[in-house]
Protein backbone atom coordinates (compact mmCIF):
# COMPACT_ATOMS: atom_id res chain seq x y z
CA MET A 1 7.90 -18.50 3.55
CA ASP A 2 10.45 -17.76 5.53
CA PHE A 3 9.65 -14.46 7.81
CA ILE A 4 12.86 -12.78 6.16
CA PHE A 5 11.74 -13.11 2.78
CA ILE A 6 7.88 -11.99 3.81
CA ILE A 7 9.74 -8.91 5.25
CA ILE A 8 11.66 -7.90 1.90
CA ILE A 9 8.96 -8.33 -0.02
CA LEU A 10 6.82 -6.01 2.16
CA ILE A 11 9.80 -3.54 2.24
CA MET A 12 10.11 -3.42 -1.42
CA SER A 13 6.28 -2.76 -1.98
CA VAL A 14 5.76 0.02 0.50
CA VAL A 15 8.72 1.62 -0.96
CA ILE A 16 7.30 1.54 -4.80
CA HIS A 17 3.90 2.60 -2.88
CA GLU A 18 5.34 5.77 -1.30
CA VAL A 19 7.89 6.46 -4.41
CA SER A 20 4.76 6.50 -6.92
CA HIS A 21 3.34 8.95 -4.33
CA GLY A 22 6.53 11.42 -4.82
CA TYR A 23 6.34 10.94 -8.17
CA ALA A 24 2.89 11.53 -8.66
CA ALA A 25 3.36 15.01 -6.79
CA LEU A 26 6.28 15.64 -8.58
CA ALA A 27 4.25 15.12 -12.11
CA LEU A 28 1.46 17.72 -10.53
CA GLY A 29 4.04 20.38 -9.99
CA ASP A 30 5.66 19.20 -6.34
CA PRO A 31 9.38 19.13 -6.18
CA THR A 32 9.07 18.19 -2.84
CA ALA A 33 9.90 14.40 -2.61
CA LYS A 34 12.68 14.97 -5.31
CA TYR A 35 14.39 17.90 -3.55
CA GLN A 36 14.31 15.62 -0.29
CA GLY A 37 15.81 12.66 -1.91
CA ARG A 38 13.10 10.31 -1.46
CA LEU A 39 12.71 9.63 -5.18
CA THR A 40 14.59 6.51 -4.96
CA LEU A 41 13.97 2.85 -4.43
CA ASN A 42 17.03 2.61 -1.78
CA PRO A 43 14.71 1.01 1.38
CA ILE A 44 17.10 3.06 3.81
CA SER A 45 15.61 6.29 2.65
CA HIS A 46 12.21 5.20 3.52
CA LEU A 47 12.10 2.70 6.55
CA ASP A 48 10.08 3.37 9.25
CA PRO A 49 10.63 1.01 12.62
CA ILE A 50 7.17 0.58 13.58
CA GLY A 51 5.58 0.20 10.45
CA SER A 52 8.27 -1.91 8.17
CA PHE A 53 9.39 -3.81 11.17
CA PHE A 54 7.56 -3.98 14.30
CA VAL A 55 3.95 -4.18 13.13
CA PRO A 56 4.77 -6.86 10.24
CA LEU A 57 6.41 -8.88 13.03
CA ILE A 58 3.54 -9.00 14.78
CA GLY A 59 0.91 -9.56 12.14
CA TYR A 60 3.44 -12.98 10.76
CA PHE A 61 3.70 -14.50 14.62
CA ALA A 62 -0.24 -13.91 15.03
CA GLY A 63 -0.95 -15.78 12.43
CA GLY A 64 -2.80 -12.55 11.03
CA PHE A 65 -2.36 -10.47 7.85
CA ILE A 66 0.97 -8.92 7.49
CA VAL A 67 0.37 -4.99 6.81
CA GLY A 68 3.18 -2.44 7.13
CA TRP A 69 4.00 1.09 5.95
CA ALA A 70 7.15 2.94 5.38
CA LYS A 71 8.02 6.72 6.40
CA PRO A 72 5.40 8.94 3.89
CA VAL A 73 6.96 10.96 1.19
CA PRO A 74 6.44 14.64 1.78
CA PHE A 75 4.93 16.84 -0.67
CA ASN A 76 3.19 20.21 -0.17
CA PRO A 77 -0.51 20.62 -1.55
CA TYR A 78 -0.07 23.77 -2.25
CA ASN A 79 2.61 23.49 -5.05
CA LEU A 80 -0.05 21.01 -7.06
CA ARG A 81 -1.45 22.43 -10.26
CA ASN A 82 -4.72 20.91 -9.17
CA GLN A 83 -5.96 22.30 -6.04
CA ARG A 84 -9.04 19.96 -6.07
CA TRP A 85 -7.85 16.84 -6.82
CA GLY A 86 -4.19 17.19 -6.72
CA GLU A 87 -3.99 15.61 -3.10
CA ALA A 88 -6.40 12.46 -4.41
CA LEU A 89 -4.45 11.90 -7.44
CA VAL A 90 -1.09 11.80 -5.50
CA ALA A 91 -2.72 9.25 -2.76
CA VAL A 92 -4.49 6.79 -5.16
CA ALA A 93 -0.73 6.37 -7.07
CA GLY A 94 0.33 4.57 -3.85
CA PRO A 95 -2.28 1.64 -3.84
CA ILE A 96 -2.46 1.61 -7.71
CA SER A 97 1.05 0.50 -7.70
CA ASN A 98 0.29 -2.19 -5.30
CA ILE A 99 -2.54 -3.05 -7.77
CA ALA A 100 -0.10 -3.05 -10.95
CA LEU A 101 2.69 -5.76 -8.55
CA ALA A 102 -0.24 -7.88 -7.58
CA ILE A 103 -1.83 -7.57 -11.18
CA LEU A 104 1.80 -8.60 -12.72
CA PHE A 105 2.94 -11.04 -10.54
CA GLY A 106 -0.69 -12.63 -10.34
CA LEU A 107 -0.40 -13.20 -14.07
CA THR A 108 2.85 -14.37 -13.85
CA ILE A 109 1.60 -17.29 -12.09
CA ARG A 110 -1.51 -17.87 -13.99
CA PHE A 111 0.26 -17.79 -17.27
CA LEU A 112 3.66 -18.52 -17.43
CA PRO A 113 4.00 -21.95 -16.32
CA GLU A 114 2.00 -22.72 -19.58
CA TYR A 115 5.21 -21.90 -21.35
CA ILE A 116 8.14 -22.60 -19.61
CA ASN A 117 8.97 -24.68 -16.43
CA ILE A 118 8.99 -22.22 -13.23
CA SER A 119 10.35 -23.88 -9.65
CA GLN A 120 8.10 -24.02 -6.79
CA SER A 121 9.96 -21.36 -5.05
CA PHE A 122 9.20 -18.77 -7.50
CA LEU A 123 5.95 -19.46 -7.71
CA ASN A 124 6.15 -19.43 -3.79
CA LEU A 125 7.26 -16.10 -3.86
CA ALA A 126 5.42 -14.71 -6.44
CA SER A 127 2.41 -15.67 -4.48
CA SER A 128 3.63 -13.87 -1.58
CA VAL A 129 4.30 -10.45 -3.81
CA VAL A 130 0.59 -10.62 -4.81
CA LEU A 131 -1.20 -11.28 -1.36
CA ILE A 132 1.05 -8.88 0.06
CA ASN A 133 0.28 -5.97 -2.24
CA ILE A 134 -3.50 -7.02 -2.44
CA ILE A 135 -3.52 -6.49 1.50
CA LEU A 136 -1.71 -2.98 1.05
CA ALA A 137 -4.11 -1.50 -1.66
CA ILE A 138 -6.98 -2.52 0.62
CA PHE A 139 -5.51 -1.43 3.49
CA ASN A 140 -4.40 2.10 2.46
CA LEU A 141 -7.75 2.50 0.58
CA ILE A 142 -9.46 2.38 3.94
CA PRO A 143 -11.15 5.90 4.08
CA ILE A 144 -9.87 6.59 7.66
CA PRO A 145 -6.88 9.29 8.00
CA PRO A 146 -4.09 9.24 7.77
CA LEU A 147 -4.36 6.60 5.14
CA ASP A 148 -4.81 7.46 1.62
CA GLY A 149 -8.33 6.25 1.35
CA SER A 150 -9.18 9.32 3.29
CA LYS A 151 -7.57 11.95 0.90
CA ILE A 152 -9.56 10.36 -1.95
CA LEU A 153 -12.28 10.48 0.32
CA PHE A 154 -12.30 14.25 1.28
CA ALA A 155 -11.41 15.40 -1.96
CA PHE A 156 -15.31 14.28 -2.87
CA LEU A 157 -16.35 16.47 0.29
CA PRO A 158 -17.33 19.81 1.47
CA TYR A 159 -14.17 21.69 2.68
CA LYS A 160 -15.31 22.15 6.18
CA TRP A 161 -14.78 18.34 6.67
CA GLN A 162 -11.25 19.11 6.36
CA THR A 163 -11.28 20.20 9.95
CA LEU A 164 -12.88 16.52 10.94
CA ARG A 165 -10.20 14.80 9.01
CA GLN A 166 -7.27 17.15 10.96
CA SER A 167 -9.28 15.66 13.94
CA PHE A 168 -9.42 12.21 13.04
CA GLU A 169 -5.58 12.20 11.88
CA ARG A 170 -4.72 11.93 15.90
CA PHE A 171 -6.01 8.68 16.29
CA GLY A 172 -5.98 7.68 13.00
CA LEU A 173 -4.11 4.33 13.07
CA ILE A 174 -5.90 3.21 16.56
CA LEU A 175 -9.06 3.88 14.74
CA VAL A 176 -7.72 1.99 11.54
CA PHE A 177 -6.57 -0.82 13.87
CA ILE A 178 -10.18 -0.95 15.57
CA PHE A 179 -11.82 -0.79 12.21
CA ILE A 180 -9.90 -3.66 10.70
CA LEU A 181 -10.90 -6.16 13.96
CA PHE A 182 -14.37 -5.25 13.11
CA ILE A 183 -14.26 -6.14 9.36
CA TRP A 184 -11.44 -8.62 9.02
CA GLN A 185 -13.58 -11.65 7.80
CA ILE A 186 -15.24 -9.31 5.18
CA MET A 187 -11.38 -7.94 4.62
CA SER A 188 -9.86 -11.53 4.15
CA HIS A 189 -13.02 -12.87 1.78
CA ILE A 190 -12.51 -9.79 -0.51
CA ILE A 191 -8.46 -10.39 0.01
CA GLY A 192 -9.19 -14.21 -0.88
CA PHE A 193 -11.25 -13.48 -4.17
CA ILE A 194 -8.79 -11.05 -5.85
CA PHE A 195 -5.71 -12.93 -4.79
CA THR A 196 -7.68 -16.41 -6.82
CA LEU A 197 -9.04 -14.35 -9.25
CA LEU A 198 -5.01 -13.00 -10.35
CA THR A 199 -3.11 -16.31 -9.96
CA GLY A 200 -6.12 -19.01 -10.45
CA ILE A 201 -4.43 -20.28 -6.71
CA ALA A 202 -7.54 -21.33 -4.01
CA PHE A 203 -7.09 -18.72 -1.40
């Protein structure tokens, strides 16, 4: 599919991901994102030039996977009612939103054509939504700071480990991409398996 459509799907997916963080924080007692006007699906409020355009552009033309991110939705962990698990619950809301989108569009591809005629263009579009959201969910669940997976992981670790997390965050994205280089083959098999499971289409 044309790159522009891929970017549109990616941007809307990462925006939903970030807004989900904001609503989870609000539900747990922190209104920071609401007061800063970040509980909106307007992409302009969330776009990050590097994560929303530059990184996806490299991935697309390098023939690799398309991944990206938006500006993180701010939240104050000290406002959360559950100090032990609150940050992890806010973190997991993002990947859950991507998983939900992948399931919704995947099941649409798998079952809707049995009842109505659907154009190939729509099927291609829906397939891209499924694939991109599977990639985003898996990418964000990598347990390396600053990704969501690290916040979930550190919620289970003793408090003394938090200083290690802060140290990792300085070099986090570099470590993430090095990690991906080493496990890309495994990740691609996992992505392909989930894609086929949801859509019934061979990856």
